Amino acid sequence: MNPKYFITTILCLIVSGHLLSQAQDIDTQLSGLADKLSAQVQDQGKKKVAVLDFTDLDGSPNGELGKYIAEQLNVDLVMGKRTFSVLDRANLKSILDEHKLTAKGLVDPDNAKKLGQFAGVDALILGTITPKGKDFGLTAKIVTTDTAEIVGAARTEFQSDANVQQ
């Protein structure tokens, strides 16, 4: 084999491996976040949770990234060993639409109670995404639907890369 092709092939493998590890970084961090939250939900004895789209610090929707994080947390929570169930995000959206509630309004104790009554959810997982230079910080809270009390929380950080920016 020609040494130039060999060196080029090796460099391509190194670069693609580096890019792949960065792309997995957010998923790795979300999996760890889900494990932390899952343990806290179980410790609190909650039986059914719903994950809301993550927002910015002002509570405004954070677009596709906020939806992606919520969806991945949903999947990671379902895949983990747990003693609680997770409300499907599509069902959550239809319940909110049907009762004219917004995800942002669920922080209000009365609205959180309504969701608890309509969907049998006794805890919400909500969170924020905060840009930190080249990184992003994630904070997540577990909020009860009966009192809107924060009963658990976790945080993590991940690197911004081309996949995250898209």
Protein backbone atom coordinates (compact mmCIF):
# COMPACT_ATOMS: atom_id res chain seq x y z
CA MET A 1 0.00 0.00 0.00
CA ASN A 2 1.22 3.49 -0.82
CA PRO A 3 2.43 5.24 2.38
CA LYS A 4 0.54 8.45 1.46
CA TYR A 5 -2.78 6.57 1.26
CA PHE A 6 -2.01 4.76 4.50
CA ILE A 7 -1.27 8.01 6.36
CA THR A 8 -4.33 9.71 4.85
CA THR A 9 -6.53 6.78 5.89
CA ILE A 10 -5.19 6.85 9.45
CA LEU A 11 -5.73 10.62 9.72
CA CYS A 12 -9.31 10.27 8.44
CA LEU A 13 -10.03 7.57 11.02
CA ILE A 14 -8.61 9.71 13.82
CA VAL A 15 -10.60 12.78 12.79
CA SER A 16 -13.85 10.84 12.31
CA GLY A 17 -13.37 9.09 15.68
CA HIS A 18 -12.88 12.47 17.35
CA LEU A 19 -16.03 13.86 15.71
CA LEU A 20 -18.00 10.78 16.70
CA SER A 21 -16.92 11.10 20.33
CA GLN A 22 -18.05 14.75 20.36
CA ALA A 23 -21.42 13.88 18.82
CA GLN A 24 -21.98 11.32 21.57
CA ASP A 25 -21.02 13.72 24.32
CA ILE A 26 -24.50 15.25 24.66
CA ASP A 27 -26.12 11.82 24.65
CA THR A 28 -23.68 10.55 27.28
CA GLN A 29 -24.40 13.55 29.49
CA LEU A 30 -28.16 13.14 29.06
CA SER A 31 -27.96 9.48 29.98
CA GLY A 32 -26.13 10.37 33.19
CA LEU A 33 -28.65 13.11 33.91
CA ALA A 34 -31.50 10.63 33.42
CA ASP A 35 -29.88 8.21 35.88
CA LYS A 36 -29.63 10.94 38.54
CA LEU A 37 -33.21 12.07 38.02
CA SER A 38 -34.53 8.51 37.96
CA ALA A 39 -32.99 7.73 41.34
CA GLN A 40 -34.55 10.87 42.82
CA VAL A 41 -37.99 10.14 41.34
CA GLN A 42 -37.87 6.67 42.84
CA ASP A 43 -36.64 7.98 46.21
CA GLN A 44 -39.66 10.31 46.28
CA GLY A 45 -42.03 7.42 45.54
CA LYS A 46 -43.44 9.04 42.40
CA LYS A 47 -45.37 6.69 40.11
CA LYS A 48 -45.75 8.66 36.86
CA VAL A 49 -43.68 11.53 35.46
CA ALA A 50 -43.80 13.75 32.39
CA VAL A 51 -40.79 15.47 30.81
CA LEU A 52 -41.38 18.99 29.46
CA ASP A 53 -39.36 20.67 26.72
CA PHE A 54 -36.30 22.40 28.11
CA THR A 55 -36.29 26.20 27.93
CA ASP A 56 -33.90 29.11 28.24
CA LEU A 57 -33.51 30.94 31.56
CA ASP A 58 -36.52 33.15 30.81
CA GLY A 59 -38.76 30.12 30.38
CA SER A 60 -39.04 30.62 26.62
CA PRO A 61 -38.92 27.54 24.37
CA ASN A 62 -35.41 26.62 23.31
CA GLY A 63 -36.38 25.30 19.89
CA GLU A 64 -35.21 21.98 18.59
CA LEU A 65 -32.49 21.56 21.22
CA GLY A 66 -35.01 21.84 24.06
CA LYS A 67 -37.28 19.29 22.39
CA TYR A 68 -34.37 16.96 21.66
CA ILE A 69 -33.18 17.03 25.28
CA ALA A 70 -36.69 16.28 26.56
CA GLU A 71 -37.13 13.44 24.07
CA GLN A 72 -33.78 11.88 24.93
CA LEU A 73 -34.49 12.12 28.65
CA ASN A 74 -37.84 10.43 28.03
CA VAL A 75 -36.15 7.56 26.24
CA ASP A 76 -33.33 7.26 28.80
CA LEU A 77 -35.83 7.23 31.68
CA VAL A 78 -37.85 4.47 30.00
CA MET A 79 -34.74 2.41 29.22
CA GLY A 80 -33.41 2.61 32.78
CA LYS A 81 -34.40 0.35 35.62
CA ARG A 82 -37.18 2.20 37.39
CA THR A 83 -40.34 1.82 39.42
CA PHE A 84 -42.29 4.63 37.72
CA SER A 85 -43.86 5.20 34.32
CA VAL A 86 -43.18 8.03 31.87
CA LEU A 87 -45.95 9.85 30.02
CA ASP A 88 -45.31 9.90 26.27
CA ARG A 89 -44.52 13.39 24.99
CA ALA A 90 -47.14 13.18 22.21
CA ASN A 91 -49.80 12.30 24.80
CA LEU A 92 -48.61 15.13 27.03
CA LYS A 93 -48.96 17.61 24.16
CA SER A 94 -52.48 16.43 23.32
CA ILE A 95 -53.54 16.63 27.00
CA LEU A 96 -52.13 20.16 27.28
CA ASP A 97 -53.88 21.21 24.05
CA GLU A 98 -57.17 19.62 25.08
CA HIS A 99 -57.25 21.44 28.41
CA LYS A 100 -55.81 24.68 27.03
CA LEU A 101 -52.68 24.49 29.19
CA THR A 102 -49.14 25.42 28.21
CA ALA A 103 -45.94 23.77 29.32
CA LYS A 104 -44.73 27.14 30.63
CA GLY A 105 -47.89 27.46 32.71
CA LEU A 106 -47.33 24.13 34.45
CA VAL A 107 -44.99 25.78 36.93
CA ASP A 108 -48.14 27.34 38.38
CA PRO A 109 -49.32 24.96 41.15
CA ASP A 110 -52.96 25.05 39.98
CA ASN A 111 -52.03 24.10 36.42
CA ALA A 112 -49.64 21.41 37.64
CA LYS A 113 -52.48 19.97 39.74
CA LYS A 114 -54.75 19.93 36.68
CA LEU A 115 -52.19 17.93 34.71
CA GLY A 116 -51.87 15.56 37.63
CA GLN A 117 -55.63 15.03 37.61
CA PHE A 118 -56.01 14.71 33.82
CA ALA A 119 -52.99 12.49 33.13
CA GLY A 120 -52.32 10.85 36.47
CA VAL A 121 -48.88 12.47 36.56
CA ASP A 122 -47.49 13.11 40.01
CA ALA A 123 -44.21 14.77 38.98
CA LEU A 124 -42.88 16.90 36.14
CA ILE A 125 -39.30 17.05 34.95
CA LEU A 126 -38.45 20.44 33.53
CA GLY A 127 -35.23 22.23 32.91
CA THR A 128 -33.18 24.98 31.37
CA ILE A 129 -30.39 25.21 28.83
CA THR A 130 -27.75 27.86 29.48
CA PRO A 131 -25.03 28.79 26.96
CA LYS A 132 -21.59 28.96 28.61
CA GLY A 133 -19.16 30.03 25.92
CA LYS A 134 -18.47 26.90 23.87
CA ASP A 135 -20.41 24.71 26.29
CA PHE A 136 -24.01 24.43 27.44
CA GLY A 137 -25.21 23.92 30.99
CA LEU A 138 -28.34 21.88 31.69
CA THR A 139 -30.31 22.03 34.90
CA ALA A 140 -33.28 19.77 35.52
CA LYS A 141 -35.82 19.82 38.33
CA ILE A 142 -38.41 17.35 39.51
CA VAL A 143 -41.56 19.22 40.53
CA THR A 144 -44.56 17.58 42.20
CA THR A 145 -47.93 18.19 40.58
CA ASP A 146 -49.79 18.42 43.87
CA THR A 147 -47.72 21.20 45.50
CA ALA A 148 -45.33 22.40 42.74
CA GLU A 149 -42.53 21.72 45.23
CA ILE A 150 -39.09 20.91 43.82
CA VAL A 151 -38.25 17.45 45.17
CA GLY A 152 -35.15 16.71 43.12
CA ALA A 153 -32.66 18.28 40.76
CA ALA A 154 -29.59 17.51 38.68
CA ARG A 155 -27.27 19.32 36.34
CA THR A 156 -24.67 18.62 33.68
CA GLU A 157 -22.72 20.29 30.89
CA PHE A 158 -21.98 19.33 27.31
CA GLN A 159 -19.90 20.75 24.51
CA SER A 160 -21.40 22.69 21.66
CA ASP A 161 -20.52 21.07 18.36
CA ALA A 162 -21.91 21.14 14.82
CA ASN A 163 -24.65 18.66 15.74
CA VAL A 164 -25.80 20.69 18.75
CA GLN A 165 -25.76 23.95 16.80
CA GLN A 166 -27.97 22.46 14.08
